[in-house]
Amino acid sequence: MIPKDPVMLLSFVNLKLRDFYPSLDALCDDLDVDRQELTDKLSGINYVYDSDKNQFV
């Protein structure tokens, strides 16, 4: 289960991307998360996915 709060979600997702997943697609597939919902929620707090860094920045 992933956090609902956008700031906690950002921390959770970036940790998972850094330590466990080579891409956002891999994270979404493994955790059964809708990529568009995730990116929309984090863009609401002005974060976008940077594929080169494999992090939301």
C-alpha atoms as a PDB file:
ATOM      1  CA  MET A   1       0.000   0.000   0.000  1.00  0.00           C
ATOM      2  CA  ILE A   2       1.367   3.386  -0.950  1.00  0.00           C
ATOM      3  CA  PRO A   3       0.912   6.619   1.044  1.00  0.00           C
ATOM      4  CA  LYS A   4      -2.005   8.887   0.156  1.00  0.00           C
ATOM      5  CA  ASP A   5      -0.355  12.132   1.291  1.00  0.00           C
ATOM      6  CA  PRO A   6       1.560  13.596  -1.688  1.00  0.00           C
ATOM      7  CA  VAL A   7       4.673  14.531   0.331  1.00  0.00           C
ATOM      8  CA  MET A   8       4.872  11.098   1.944  1.00  0.00           C
ATOM      9  CA  LEU A   9       4.214   9.546  -1.465  1.00  0.00           C
ATOM     10  CA  LEU A  10       7.143  11.492  -2.940  1.00  0.00           C
ATOM     11  CA  SER A  11       9.490  10.216  -0.258  1.00  0.00           C
ATOM     12  CA  PHE A  12       8.218   6.641  -0.577  1.00  0.00           C
ATOM     13  CA  VAL A  13       8.436   6.561  -4.382  1.00  0.00           C
ATOM     14  CA  ASN A  14      11.893   8.149  -4.580  1.00  0.00           C
ATOM     15  CA  LEU A  15      13.230   5.705  -1.985  1.00  0.00           C
ATOM     16  CA  LYS A  16      11.794   2.748  -3.890  1.00  0.00           C
ATOM     17  CA  LEU A  17      13.143   4.068  -7.203  1.00  0.00           C
ATOM     18  CA  ARG A  18      16.581   4.626  -5.713  1.00  0.00           C
ATOM     19  CA  ASP A  19      16.860   1.283  -3.909  1.00  0.00           C
ATOM     20  CA  PHE A  20      14.710  -1.238  -5.774  1.00  0.00           C
ATOM     21  CA  TYR A  21      13.489  -0.248  -9.247  1.00  0.00           C
ATOM     22  CA  PRO A  22      15.344   0.686 -12.445  1.00  0.00           C
ATOM     23  CA  SER A  23      12.415   2.768 -13.744  1.00  0.00           C
ATOM     24  CA  LEU A  24       9.049   4.254 -12.870  1.00  0.00           C
ATOM     25  CA  ASP A  25       7.361   1.707 -15.126  1.00  0.00           C
ATOM     26  CA  ALA A  26       8.969  -1.160 -13.196  1.00  0.00           C
ATOM     27  CA  LEU A  27       7.791   0.320  -9.880  1.00  0.00           C
ATOM     28  CA  CYS A  28       4.241   0.841 -11.154  1.00  0.00           C
ATOM     29  CA  ASP A  29       4.037  -2.656 -12.611  1.00  0.00           C
ATOM     30  CA  ASP A  30       5.361  -4.323  -9.471  1.00  0.00           C
ATOM     31  CA  LEU A  31       3.234  -2.307  -7.017  1.00  0.00           C
ATOM     32  CA  ASP A  32       0.168  -2.347  -9.312  1.00  0.00           C
ATOM     33  CA  VAL A  33      -0.012   1.454  -9.340  1.00  0.00           C
ATOM     34  CA  ASP A  34      -1.437   3.551 -12.156  1.00  0.00           C
ATOM     35  CA  ARG A  35       1.484   5.584 -13.521  1.00  0.00           C
ATOM     36  CA  GLN A  36      -0.727   8.494 -14.637  1.00  0.00           C
ATOM     37  CA  GLU A  37      -2.402   8.793 -11.223  1.00  0.00           C
ATOM     38  CA  LEU A  38       0.972   8.731  -9.515  1.00  0.00           C
ATOM     39  CA  THR A  39       2.538  11.350 -11.778  1.00  0.00           C
ATOM     40  CA  ASP A  40      -0.584  13.544 -11.555  1.00  0.00           C
ATOM     41  CA  LYS A  41      -0.546  13.426  -7.763  1.00  0.00           C
ATOM     42  CA  LEU A  42       3.137  14.345  -7.591  1.00  0.00           C
ATOM     43  CA  SER A  43       2.833  17.039 -10.241  1.00  0.00           C
ATOM     44  CA  GLY A  44       0.265  18.598  -7.897  1.00  0.00           C
ATOM     45  CA  ILE A  45       3.156  19.382  -5.553  1.00  0.00           C
ATOM     46  CA  ASN A  46       5.406  20.457  -8.455  1.00  0.00           C
ATOM     47  CA  TYR A  47       7.427  17.260  -8.915  1.00  0.00           C
ATOM     48  CA  VAL A  48       8.008  15.535 -12.243  1.00  0.00           C
ATOM     49  CA  TYR A  49       9.707  12.265 -13.059  1.00  0.00           C
ATOM     50  CA  ASP A  50      13.251  12.562 -14.407  1.00  0.00           C
ATOM     51  CA  SER A  51      14.070   9.303 -16.185  1.00  0.00           C
ATOM     52  CA  ASP A  52      17.804  10.112 -16.306  1.00  0.00           C
ATOM     53  CA  LYS A  53      17.924  10.386 -12.516  1.00  0.00           C
ATOM     54  CA  ASN A  54      15.146   7.825 -11.967  1.00  0.00           C
ATOM     55  CA  GLN A  55      13.649  10.171  -9.380  1.00  0.00           C
ATOM     56  CA  PHE A  56      10.912  12.743  -9.015  1.00  0.00           C
ATOM     57  CA  VAL A  57      12.525  16.162  -8.935  1.00  0.00           C
END
